[in-house]
Each structure stands twice: as C-alpha cells, then as structure tokens.
C-alpha cells in the first residue's frame, strides 16, 4: 500500500499497476485566454480513473470565455493581475493553495489521451527518491510537421535515462509539494522555470522520471510573433540558468540547417512533404 497525501492506493506488487483509484492529487493549470481548449482539458480530467482530484486554475487576466467555461467544472480559480504574472509566480501561487502532496501540472492547451493519464503521472512517486515526473506529448492533426518531430525527439516512445542532460516540461509534469515547499519556483525567470527547478532538485538528490505512457495532446495555436517572443524569453532564461553555456551564430546556423534537412528527409520518408 502506498500513501500519497491523505489517501491510499493499492499496487499489485508484481506489475506495480495501480488498481485502486482513491488517491488524491491536485491538477494545477495556468491559463490566459484559453477558451478554445480549457473545456476539453477539464472534461478529460473529469473522466480520469482517479476521482479524488482537486483542480486549481491560476488565471492571469483572461478576457475571453475561459473563466465562464471553467466555472462549469468543480475548479478553484485563483486570479492574478497580468502585470504580476511570471511563470514561476503562477506556479508558486497554485502550489501554495494545493491541498495534496502530489501536484500535476497541465498546460491549458493540452488534453489527456487516455483516462489513466493521472495514474501514470502519479505511479512513479511510490519511490521516495522521485521528485519530478514528466510525460509524453504529441500534437494533433493540425500540428505543424516540424513540431511533431520535436515532440518525438523530446518525448520518445521509449524509456529515458535522465543523467546530466536535465530535462522536463511543465505542460505535462508532476511534483511533490513537500519538495516545492523547500525549493519554490524562481519567479524572476522569463521562462524555463521547469528546467531550473529540475536542475535544483537533482542537486538535492531527487530523481526525475520520464513516463512515456502518460500522454497528452499539446496544441500550439501561436502566431509567428508569439513564437518569436517565446524563444526570446527562453533564451534569456537559459543564459541565467546555464551562465557558462555559449550559443554562437555558427551554432544557430548549424542547428537551423541540420533541423531543416532532417525535417525534409523525414517528411519525404513519411510521405508528408506537401502536407
């Protein structure tokens, strides 16, 4: 029997498969103007095999129908001013309000592929050494081919050994609140707060697990200006997190050309060059 929060779950010892679903967890969602997708995510959460789920939404000033849609579900909405928003601050506000030890992060523009998604995101915490779990991501039929290739590279169909190349992604991740209480998210970073946190907890001896069977569909409906701004923010944050790393113009050109050639090669192989 494994205890998570104030409830218990029973695992079959030979397969480590969760067969009872009275485990509690908190799902934390950051959002801003996500009326297109928030309903599908919340519907997917309500269909999960784990029923004791607290849902917290940290909204940074939505002006569309996001909040009215969310209000149709059993959620706790924590509003913050848009000028007060940072990725780390929104997470800290939500984590502070969470009632459970296991907190699952989900982007407001994702939705689970299967009804056992939360089970898969929680199961690895049966090991006390595990501090963070992140799951698989894929696009839908409208996702650009290049982004599909990125998803396959970053979130493969095979198990990953997390060594010196620290990685995770808070669009589909879960953590222990007790570790967060000791190491909160950096509220000053302009992005990559998840990578920063992963780096910090591994230094404390905690393990990061990639759960290939905990899949979500991640939809990026961004304009070019938004993509450009996201990469700029993350580049600034990367330099703060890894001050000794250098990324020259030559590195940029080489990466751009190699990725472009790779995408063309795979698109031809997959018969999707003109899709």
C-alpha atoms as a PDB file:
ATOM      1  CA  UNK A   1       0.000   0.000   0.000  1.00  0.00           C
ATOM      2  CA  UNK A   2       1.375   3.396  -0.989  1.00  0.00           C
ATOM      3  CA  UNK A   3       0.320   6.613   0.685  1.00  0.00           C
ATOM      4  CA  UNK A   4       0.072   9.843  -1.292  1.00  0.00           C
ATOM      5  CA  UNK A   5      -1.360  12.803   0.591  1.00  0.00           C
ATOM      6  CA  UNK A   6      -4.090  11.702   2.973  1.00  0.00           C
ATOM      7  CA  UNK A   7      -5.357   8.744   0.954  1.00  0.00           C
ATOM      8  CA  UNK A   8      -4.131   5.336  -0.044  1.00  0.00           C
ATOM      9  CA  UNK A   9      -3.682   3.472  -3.280  1.00  0.00           C
ATOM     10  CA  UNK A  10      -3.084  -0.263  -3.672  1.00  0.00           C
ATOM     11  CA  UNK A  11      -0.440  -1.516  -6.108  1.00  0.00           C
ATOM     12  CA  UNK A  12      -0.076  -5.087  -7.359  1.00  0.00           C
ATOM     13  CA  UNK A  13       3.494  -5.952  -6.399  1.00  0.00           C
ATOM     14  CA  UNK A  14       4.386  -7.999  -9.472  1.00  0.00           C
ATOM     15  CA  UNK A  15       3.315  -5.420 -12.034  1.00  0.00           C
ATOM     16  CA  UNK A  16       3.263  -2.252  -9.932  1.00  0.00           C
ATOM     17  CA  UNK A  17      -0.040  -1.489 -11.618  1.00  0.00           C
ATOM     18  CA  UNK A  18      -2.434   0.819  -9.828  1.00  0.00           C
ATOM     19  CA  UNK A  19      -5.763  -0.951  -9.328  1.00  0.00           C
ATOM     20  CA  UNK A  20      -7.417   1.331  -6.794  1.00  0.00           C
ATOM     21  CA  UNK A  21      -8.063   4.936  -7.610  1.00  0.00           C
ATOM     22  CA  UNK A  22      -8.800   6.585  -4.248  1.00  0.00           C
ATOM     23  CA  UNK A  23      -5.550   8.539  -4.374  1.00  0.00           C
ATOM     24  CA  UNK A  24      -5.774  12.304  -4.118  1.00  0.00           C
ATOM     25  CA  UNK A  25      -3.872  14.725  -6.319  1.00  0.00           C
ATOM     26  CA  UNK A  26      -4.082  18.334  -7.371  1.00  0.00           C
ATOM     27  CA  UNK A  27      -4.088  19.364 -11.029  1.00  0.00           C
ATOM     28  CA  UNK A  28      -2.691  22.865 -11.488  1.00  0.00           C
ATOM     29  CA  UNK A  29      -3.417  24.778 -14.692  1.00  0.00           C
ATOM     30  CA  UNK A  30      -2.002  28.178 -15.661  1.00  0.00           C
ATOM     31  CA  UNK A  31      -4.091  29.987 -18.232  1.00  0.00           C
ATOM     32  CA  UNK A  32      -4.727  33.194 -20.141  1.00  0.00           C
ATOM     33  CA  UNK A  33      -7.414  33.391 -22.835  1.00  0.00           C
ATOM     34  CA  UNK A  34      -7.699  29.636 -23.397  1.00  0.00           C
ATOM     35  CA  UNK A  35     -11.396  29.388 -24.305  1.00  0.00           C
ATOM     36  CA  UNK A  36     -10.594  27.140 -27.283  1.00  0.00           C
ATOM     37  CA  UNK A  37      -9.027  24.383 -25.222  1.00  0.00           C
ATOM     38  CA  UNK A  38      -9.763  24.659 -21.484  1.00  0.00           C
ATOM     39  CA  UNK A  39     -13.090  22.814 -21.727  1.00  0.00           C
ATOM     40  CA  UNK A  40     -11.543  19.772 -23.390  1.00  0.00           C
ATOM     41  CA  UNK A  41      -8.803  19.585 -20.769  1.00  0.00           C
ATOM     42  CA  UNK A  42     -11.249  19.833 -17.850  1.00  0.00           C
ATOM     43  CA  UNK A  43     -13.549  17.246 -19.438  1.00  0.00           C
ATOM     44  CA  UNK A  44     -10.581  14.905 -19.815  1.00  0.00           C
ATOM     45  CA  UNK A  45      -9.658  15.377 -16.152  1.00  0.00           C
ATOM     46  CA  UNK A  46     -13.200  14.549 -15.034  1.00  0.00           C
ATOM     47  CA  UNK A  47     -13.023  11.256 -16.983  1.00  0.00           C
ATOM     48  CA  UNK A  48      -9.829  10.073 -15.285  1.00  0.00           C
ATOM     49  CA  UNK A  49      -9.805   6.841 -13.301  1.00  0.00           C
ATOM     50  CA  UNK A  50      -8.571   8.826 -10.298  1.00  0.00           C
ATOM     51  CA  UNK A  51     -11.648  10.599  -8.986  1.00  0.00           C
ATOM     52  CA  UNK A  52     -10.299  12.438  -5.954  1.00  0.00           C
ATOM     53  CA  UNK A  53      -8.853  15.336  -7.920  1.00  0.00           C
ATOM     54  CA  UNK A  54      -8.550  18.942  -6.832  1.00  0.00           C
ATOM     55  CA  UNK A  55      -8.360  21.302  -9.818  1.00  0.00           C
ATOM     56  CA  UNK A  56      -6.746  24.712  -9.418  1.00  0.00           C
ATOM     57  CA  UNK A  57      -6.667  27.292 -12.194  1.00  0.00           C
ATOM     58  CA  UNK A  58      -4.325  30.261 -11.935  1.00  0.00           C
ATOM     59  CA  UNK A  59      -5.671  32.799 -14.415  1.00  0.00           C
ATOM     60  CA  UNK A  60      -3.677  35.871 -15.353  1.00  0.00           C
ATOM     61  CA  UNK A  61      -6.438  38.142 -16.593  1.00  0.00           C
ATOM     62  CA  UNK A  62      -8.355  36.237 -19.268  1.00  0.00           C
ATOM     63  CA  UNK A  63     -10.724  38.455 -21.259  1.00  0.00           C
ATOM     64  CA  UNK A  64     -12.432  35.722 -23.295  1.00  0.00           C
ATOM     65  CA  UNK A  65     -14.776  32.937 -22.132  1.00  0.00           C
ATOM     66  CA  UNK A  66     -12.049  30.940 -20.333  1.00  0.00           C
ATOM     67  CA  UNK A  67     -13.356  31.580 -16.819  1.00  0.00           C
ATOM     68  CA  UNK A  68     -17.034  31.073 -17.662  1.00  0.00           C
ATOM     69  CA  UNK A  69     -16.180  27.720 -19.233  1.00  0.00           C
ATOM     70  CA  UNK A  70     -14.008  26.716 -16.278  1.00  0.00           C
ATOM     71  CA  UNK A  71     -16.783  27.692 -13.843  1.00  0.00           C
ATOM     72  CA  UNK A  72     -18.907  24.852 -15.240  1.00  0.00           C
ATOM     73  CA  UNK A  73     -16.472  22.392 -13.624  1.00  0.00           C
ATOM     74  CA  UNK A  74     -15.508  21.803  -9.963  1.00  0.00           C
ATOM     75  CA  UNK A  75     -12.460  24.064 -10.021  1.00  0.00           C
ATOM     76  CA  UNK A  76     -10.808  26.586  -7.737  1.00  0.00           C
ATOM     77  CA  UNK A  77      -9.921  29.746  -9.672  1.00  0.00           C
ATOM     78  CA  UNK A  78      -7.077  31.926  -8.431  1.00  0.00           C
ATOM     79  CA  UNK A  79      -6.931  35.207 -10.396  1.00  0.00           C
ATOM     80  CA  UNK A  80      -3.760  37.267 -10.661  1.00  0.00           C
ATOM     81  CA  UNK A  81      -3.131  40.530 -12.477  1.00  0.00           C
ATOM     82  CA  UNK A  82      -1.480  40.187 -15.862  1.00  0.00           C
ATOM     83  CA  UNK A  83       1.231  42.637 -14.821  1.00  0.00           C
ATOM     84  CA  UNK A  84       2.051  40.428 -11.818  1.00  0.00           C
ATOM     85  CA  UNK A  85       2.408  37.282 -13.925  1.00  0.00           C
ATOM     86  CA  UNK A  86       5.535  35.234 -14.269  1.00  0.00           C
ATOM     87  CA  UNK A  87       5.627  31.515 -14.962  1.00  0.00           C
ATOM     88  CA  UNK A  88       7.256  30.746 -11.635  1.00  0.00           C
ATOM     89  CA  UNK A  89       4.964  33.068  -9.657  1.00  0.00           C
ATOM     90  CA  UNK A  90       1.818  31.493 -11.103  1.00  0.00           C
ATOM     91  CA  UNK A  91       3.107  28.035 -10.180  1.00  0.00           C
ATOM     92  CA  UNK A  92       4.016  29.135  -6.669  1.00  0.00           C
ATOM     93  CA  UNK A  93       0.564  30.623  -6.108  1.00  0.00           C
ATOM     94  CA  UNK A  94      -1.092  27.418  -7.268  1.00  0.00           C
ATOM     95  CA  UNK A  95       1.231  25.108  -5.336  1.00  0.00           C
ATOM     96  CA  UNK A  96       0.688  27.113  -2.168  1.00  0.00           C
ATOM     97  CA  UNK A  97      -3.070  26.607  -2.495  1.00  0.00           C
ATOM     98  CA  UNK A  98      -2.842  22.873  -3.309  1.00  0.00           C
ATOM     99  CA  UNK A  99      -4.282  20.507  -0.705  1.00  0.00           C
ATOM    100  CA  UNK A 100      -2.415  17.387  -1.852  1.00  0.00           C
ATOM    101  CA  UNK A 101       1.172  16.186  -1.777  1.00  0.00           C
ATOM    102  CA  UNK A 102       1.225  15.294  -5.481  1.00  0.00           C
ATOM    103  CA  UNK A 103       0.649  18.211  -7.852  1.00  0.00           C
ATOM    104  CA  UNK A 104       0.177  17.577 -11.571  1.00  0.00           C
ATOM    105  CA  UNK A 105       0.868  20.475 -13.939  1.00  0.00           C
ATOM    106  CA  UNK A 106      -1.031  20.748 -17.209  1.00  0.00           C
ATOM    107  CA  UNK A 107      -0.912  23.486 -19.796  1.00  0.00           C
ATOM    108  CA  UNK A 108      -4.325  24.976 -20.536  1.00  0.00           C
ATOM    109  CA  UNK A 109      -3.965  23.949 -24.185  1.00  0.00           C
ATOM    110  CA  UNK A 110      -3.380  20.234 -23.654  1.00  0.00           C
ATOM    111  CA  UNK A 111      -5.753  17.343 -23.047  1.00  0.00           C
ATOM    112  CA  UNK A 112      -5.100  13.740 -21.935  1.00  0.00           C
ATOM    113  CA  UNK A 113      -5.083  10.950 -24.493  1.00  0.00           C
ATOM    114  CA  UNK A 114      -6.227   8.262 -22.066  1.00  0.00           C
ATOM    115  CA  UNK A 115      -8.296   8.038 -18.899  1.00  0.00           C
ATOM    116  CA  UNK A 116      -5.374   6.671 -16.859  1.00  0.00           C
ATOM    117  CA  UNK A 117      -3.157   9.697 -17.527  1.00  0.00           C
ATOM    118  CA  UNK A 118      -3.218  10.851 -13.903  1.00  0.00           C
ATOM    119  CA  UNK A 119      -2.490   7.323 -12.663  1.00  0.00           C
ATOM    120  CA  UNK A 120       0.596   7.204 -14.850  1.00  0.00           C
ATOM    121  CA  UNK A 121       1.729  10.623 -13.668  1.00  0.00           C
ATOM    122  CA  UNK A 122       1.397   9.592 -10.020  1.00  0.00           C
ATOM    123  CA  UNK A 123       2.636   5.979 -10.029  1.00  0.00           C
ATOM    124  CA  UNK A 124       6.389   6.770 -10.051  1.00  0.00           C
ATOM    125  CA  UNK A 125       6.087   8.585  -6.711  1.00  0.00           C
ATOM    126  CA  UNK A 126       5.875   5.213  -4.996  1.00  0.00           C
ATOM    127  CA  UNK A 127       9.658   5.622  -4.891  1.00  0.00           C
ATOM    128  CA  UNK A 128      10.518   8.193  -2.257  1.00  0.00           C
ATOM    129  CA  UNK A 129      13.546   9.307  -4.279  1.00  0.00           C
ATOM    130  CA  UNK A 130      11.355  10.561  -7.153  1.00  0.00           C
ATOM    131  CA  UNK A 131      10.810  14.300  -7.055  1.00  0.00           C
ATOM    132  CA  UNK A 132       9.507  15.031 -10.559  1.00  0.00           C
ATOM    133  CA  UNK A 133       7.744  13.160 -13.359  1.00  0.00           C
ATOM    134  CA  UNK A 134       7.094  14.404 -16.881  1.00  0.00           C
ATOM    135  CA  UNK A 135       5.021  12.691 -19.532  1.00  0.00           C
ATOM    136  CA  UNK A 136       4.805  12.257 -23.282  1.00  0.00           C
ATOM    137  CA  UNK A 137       3.489  15.000 -25.565  1.00  0.00           C
ATOM    138  CA  UNK A 138       2.153  14.773 -29.089  1.00  0.00           C
ATOM    139  CA  UNK A 139       0.333  17.152 -31.425  1.00  0.00           C
ATOM    140  CA  UNK A 140      -2.981  16.726 -33.195  1.00  0.00           C
ATOM    141  CA  UNK A 141      -3.801  16.556 -36.895  1.00  0.00           C
ATOM    142  CA  UNK A 142      -3.279  20.320 -37.263  1.00  0.00           C
ATOM    143  CA  UNK A 143       0.138  20.448 -35.606  1.00  0.00           C
ATOM    144  CA  UNK A 144       2.973  21.518 -37.883  1.00  0.00           C
ATOM    145  CA  UNK A 145       5.172  18.647 -39.049  1.00  0.00           C
ATOM    146  CA  UNK A 146       8.319  20.257 -37.625  1.00  0.00           C
ATOM    147  CA  UNK A 147       6.724  20.470 -34.182  1.00  0.00           C
ATOM    148  CA  UNK A 148       5.612  16.839 -34.390  1.00  0.00           C
ATOM    149  CA  UNK A 149       9.260  15.933 -34.970  1.00  0.00           C
ATOM    150  CA  UNK A 150      10.291  17.949 -31.912  1.00  0.00           C
ATOM    151  CA  UNK A 151       7.707  16.138 -29.790  1.00  0.00           C
ATOM    152  CA  UNK A 152       9.030  12.769 -30.967  1.00  0.00           C
ATOM    153  CA  UNK A 153      12.606  13.771 -30.157  1.00  0.00           C
ATOM    154  CA  UNK A 154      11.909  15.270 -26.726  1.00  0.00           C
ATOM    155  CA  UNK A 155       9.223  12.765 -25.709  1.00  0.00           C
ATOM    156  CA  UNK A 156      10.113   9.411 -27.307  1.00  0.00           C
ATOM    157  CA  UNK A 157       8.203   6.153 -27.135  1.00  0.00           C
ATOM    158  CA  UNK A 158      10.988   4.558 -25.099  1.00  0.00           C
ATOM    159  CA  UNK A 159      12.125   4.986 -21.507  1.00  0.00           C
ATOM    160  CA  UNK A 160      14.692   7.712 -20.880  1.00  0.00           C
ATOM    161  CA  UNK A 161      17.655   7.743 -18.541  1.00  0.00           C
ATOM    162  CA  UNK A 162      17.878  11.197 -17.019  1.00  0.00           C
ATOM    163  CA  UNK A 163      21.579  11.805 -16.494  1.00  0.00           C
ATOM    164  CA  UNK A 164      23.491  15.038 -16.851  1.00  0.00           C
ATOM    165  CA  UNK A 165      21.136  16.260 -19.600  1.00  0.00           C
ATOM    166  CA  UNK A 166      18.406  17.510 -17.295  1.00  0.00           C
ATOM    167  CA  UNK A 167      15.037  17.911 -18.980  1.00  0.00           C
ATOM    168  CA  UNK A 168      11.357  18.201 -18.140  1.00  0.00           C
ATOM    169  CA  UNK A 169       8.372  20.208 -19.334  1.00  0.00           C
ATOM    170  CA  UNK A 170       5.614  21.644 -17.157  1.00  0.00           C
ATOM    171  CA  UNK A 171       2.973  21.270 -19.866  1.00  0.00           C
ATOM    172  CA  UNK A 172       2.685  17.695 -18.550  1.00  0.00           C
ATOM    173  CA  UNK A 173       4.530  17.127 -15.281  1.00  0.00           C
ATOM    174  CA  UNK A 174       4.023  16.277 -11.621  1.00  0.00           C
ATOM    175  CA  UNK A 175       5.935  17.094  -8.440  1.00  0.00           C
ATOM    176  CA  UNK A 176       5.893  16.624  -4.659  1.00  0.00           C
ATOM    177  CA  UNK A 177       4.552  19.647  -2.790  1.00  0.00           C
ATOM    178  CA  UNK A 178       6.923  18.941   0.089  1.00  0.00           C
ATOM    179  CA  UNK A 179       9.907  19.453  -2.223  1.00  0.00           C
ATOM    180  CA  UNK A 180       8.348  22.588  -3.705  1.00  0.00           C
ATOM    181  CA  UNK A 181       7.948  23.988  -0.170  1.00  0.00           C
ATOM    182  CA  UNK A 182      11.717  23.657   0.230  1.00  0.00           C
ATOM    183  CA  UNK A 183      12.552  24.796  -3.320  1.00  0.00           C
ATOM    184  CA  UNK A 184       9.890  27.110  -4.801  1.00  0.00           C
ATOM    185  CA  UNK A 185       9.958  28.136  -8.447  1.00  0.00           C
ATOM    186  CA  UNK A 186      12.070  31.118  -9.465  1.00  0.00           C
ATOM    187  CA  UNK A 187       9.635  33.983 -10.029  1.00  0.00           C
ATOM    188  CA  UNK A 188      12.107  36.178 -11.895  1.00  0.00           C
ATOM    189  CA  UNK A 189      12.868  33.835 -14.801  1.00  0.00           C
ATOM    190  CA  UNK A 190      11.251  34.707 -18.139  1.00  0.00           C
ATOM    191  CA  UNK A 191      10.823  31.028 -18.976  1.00  0.00           C
ATOM    192  CA  UNK A 192      12.307  27.541 -18.439  1.00  0.00           C
ATOM    193  CA  UNK A 193      11.316  27.654 -14.778  1.00  0.00           C
ATOM    194  CA  UNK A 194      10.709  23.904 -15.071  1.00  0.00           C
ATOM    195  CA  UNK A 195      14.287  23.207 -16.213  1.00  0.00           C
ATOM    196  CA  UNK A 196      15.641  25.443 -13.460  1.00  0.00           C
ATOM    197  CA  UNK A 197      13.613  23.579 -10.816  1.00  0.00           C
ATOM    198  CA  UNK A 198      14.641  20.189 -12.188  1.00  0.00           C
ATOM    199  CA  UNK A 199      18.287  21.209 -12.027  1.00  0.00           C
ATOM    200  CA  UNK A 200      17.918  22.328  -8.416  1.00  0.00           C
ATOM    201  CA  UNK A 201      16.174  19.193  -7.153  1.00  0.00           C
ATOM    202  CA  UNK A 202      18.665  16.835  -8.811  1.00  0.00           C
ATOM    203  CA  UNK A 203      21.385  18.610  -6.871  1.00  0.00           C
ATOM    204  CA  UNK A 204      19.420  17.645  -3.744  1.00  0.00           C
ATOM    205  CA  UNK A 205      19.495  14.005  -4.812  1.00  0.00           C
ATOM    206  CA  UNK A 206      15.950  13.633  -6.167  1.00  0.00           C
ATOM    207  CA  UNK A 207      15.214  11.644  -9.322  1.00  0.00           C
ATOM    208  CA  UNK A 208      13.424  12.760 -12.486  1.00  0.00           C
ATOM    209  CA  UNK A 209      11.263  10.173 -14.273  1.00  0.00           C
ATOM    210  CA  UNK A 210      10.029  10.276 -17.859  1.00  0.00           C
ATOM    211  CA  UNK A 211       6.682   8.465 -18.092  1.00  0.00           C
ATOM    212  CA  UNK A 212       6.222   7.506 -21.737  1.00  0.00           C
ATOM    213  CA  UNK A 213       2.713   6.125 -21.179  1.00  0.00           C
ATOM    214  CA  UNK A 214       1.313   9.346 -19.641  1.00  0.00           C
ATOM    215  CA  UNK A 215       0.462  11.012 -22.934  1.00  0.00           C
ATOM    216  CA  UNK A 216      -1.257  14.309 -23.657  1.00  0.00           C
ATOM    217  CA  UNK A 217      -2.095  16.181 -26.851  1.00  0.00           C
ATOM    218  CA  UNK A 218      -0.384  19.581 -26.869  1.00  0.00           C
ATOM    219  CA  UNK A 219      -1.817  22.215 -29.218  1.00  0.00           C
ATOM    220  CA  UNK A 220       0.245  25.302 -30.023  1.00  0.00           C
ATOM    221  CA  UNK A 221      -2.018  27.822 -31.716  1.00  0.00           C
ATOM    222  CA  UNK A 222       0.581  30.588 -31.896  1.00  0.00           C
ATOM    223  CA  UNK A 223       1.291  33.394 -34.317  1.00  0.00           C
ATOM    224  CA  UNK A 224       4.846  33.981 -35.549  1.00  0.00           C
ATOM    225  CA  UNK A 225       5.262  36.952 -33.201  1.00  0.00           C
ATOM    226  CA  UNK A 226       4.270  34.781 -30.222  1.00  0.00           C
ATOM    227  CA  UNK A 227       6.709  32.036 -31.213  1.00  0.00           C
ATOM    228  CA  UNK A 228       9.491  34.591 -31.616  1.00  0.00           C
ATOM    229  CA  UNK A 229       8.721  36.072 -28.188  1.00  0.00           C
ATOM    230  CA  UNK A 230       8.670  32.615 -26.568  1.00  0.00           C
ATOM    231  CA  UNK A 231      12.081  31.701 -27.940  1.00  0.00           C
ATOM    232  CA  UNK A 232      13.483  35.065 -26.886  1.00  0.00           C
ATOM    233  CA  UNK A 233      12.179  34.642 -23.329  1.00  0.00           C
ATOM    234  CA  UNK A 234      13.554  31.136 -23.085  1.00  0.00           C
ATOM    235  CA  UNK A 235      16.941  32.192 -24.463  1.00  0.00           C
ATOM    236  CA  UNK A 236      17.200  34.873 -21.760  1.00  0.00           C
ATOM    237  CA  UNK A 237      16.257  32.356 -19.075  1.00  0.00           C
ATOM    238  CA  UNK A 238      18.644  29.721 -20.440  1.00  0.00           C
ATOM    239  CA  UNK A 239      21.564  32.112 -20.117  1.00  0.00           C
ATOM    240  CA  UNK A 240      20.660  32.720 -16.460  1.00  0.00           C
ATOM    241  CA  UNK A 241      20.246  29.012 -15.661  1.00  0.00           C
ATOM    242  CA  UNK A 242      23.392  27.968 -17.558  1.00  0.00           C
ATOM    243  CA  UNK A 243      25.682  31.028 -17.472  1.00  0.00           C
ATOM    244  CA  UNK A 244      28.678  29.036 -18.721  1.00  0.00           C
ATOM    245  CA  UNK A 245      26.989  27.898 -21.929  1.00  0.00           C
ATOM    246  CA  UNK A 246      27.614  29.695 -25.218  1.00  0.00           C
ATOM    247  CA  UNK A 247      25.394  29.668 -28.308  1.00  0.00           C
ATOM    248  CA  UNK A 248      27.095  31.390 -31.232  1.00  0.00           C
ATOM    249  CA  UNK A 249      25.769  32.446 -34.643  1.00  0.00           C
ATOM    250  CA  UNK A 250      27.548  29.412 -36.096  1.00  0.00           C
ATOM    251  CA  UNK A 251      25.669  27.157 -33.637  1.00  0.00           C
ATOM    252  CA  UNK A 252      22.385  28.763 -34.668  1.00  0.00           C
ATOM    253  CA  UNK A 253      23.018  28.369 -38.400  1.00  0.00           C
ATOM    254  CA  UNK A 254      24.201  24.779 -37.974  1.00  0.00           C
ATOM    255  CA  UNK A 255      21.177  23.836 -35.871  1.00  0.00           C
ATOM    256  CA  UNK A 256      18.764  25.552 -38.267  1.00  0.00           C
ATOM    257  CA  UNK A 257      20.209  23.827 -41.346  1.00  0.00           C
ATOM    258  CA  UNK A 258      20.520  20.392 -39.732  1.00  0.00           C
ATOM    259  CA  UNK A 259      16.961  20.512 -38.357  1.00  0.00           C
ATOM    260  CA  UNK A 260      15.575  21.737 -41.693  1.00  0.00           C
ATOM    261  CA  UNK A 261      17.316  18.959 -43.616  1.00  0.00           C
ATOM    262  CA  UNK A 262      16.172  16.406 -41.047  1.00  0.00           C
ATOM    263  CA  UNK A 263      12.549  17.588 -41.293  1.00  0.00           C
ATOM    264  CA  UNK A 264      12.612  17.404 -45.101  1.00  0.00           C
ATOM    265  CA  UNK A 265      14.127  13.922 -45.004  1.00  0.00           C
ATOM    266  CA  UNK A 266      11.578  12.565 -42.554  1.00  0.00           C
ATOM    267  CA  UNK A 267       8.651  14.288 -44.253  1.00  0.00           C
ATOM    268  CA  UNK A 268       9.616  12.640 -47.559  1.00  0.00           C
ATOM    269  CA  UNK A 269      10.025   9.275 -45.814  1.00  0.00           C
ATOM    270  CA  UNK A 270       6.606   9.702 -44.192  1.00  0.00           C
ATOM    271  CA  UNK A 271       5.007  10.888 -47.425  1.00  0.00           C
ATOM    272  CA  UNK A 272       4.033  14.225 -45.864  1.00  0.00           C
ATOM    273  CA  UNK A 273       6.247  16.713 -47.652  1.00  0.00           C
ATOM    274  CA  UNK A 274       3.281  18.631 -49.049  1.00  0.00           C
ATOM    275  CA  UNK A 275       1.002  18.295 -46.005  1.00  0.00           C
END
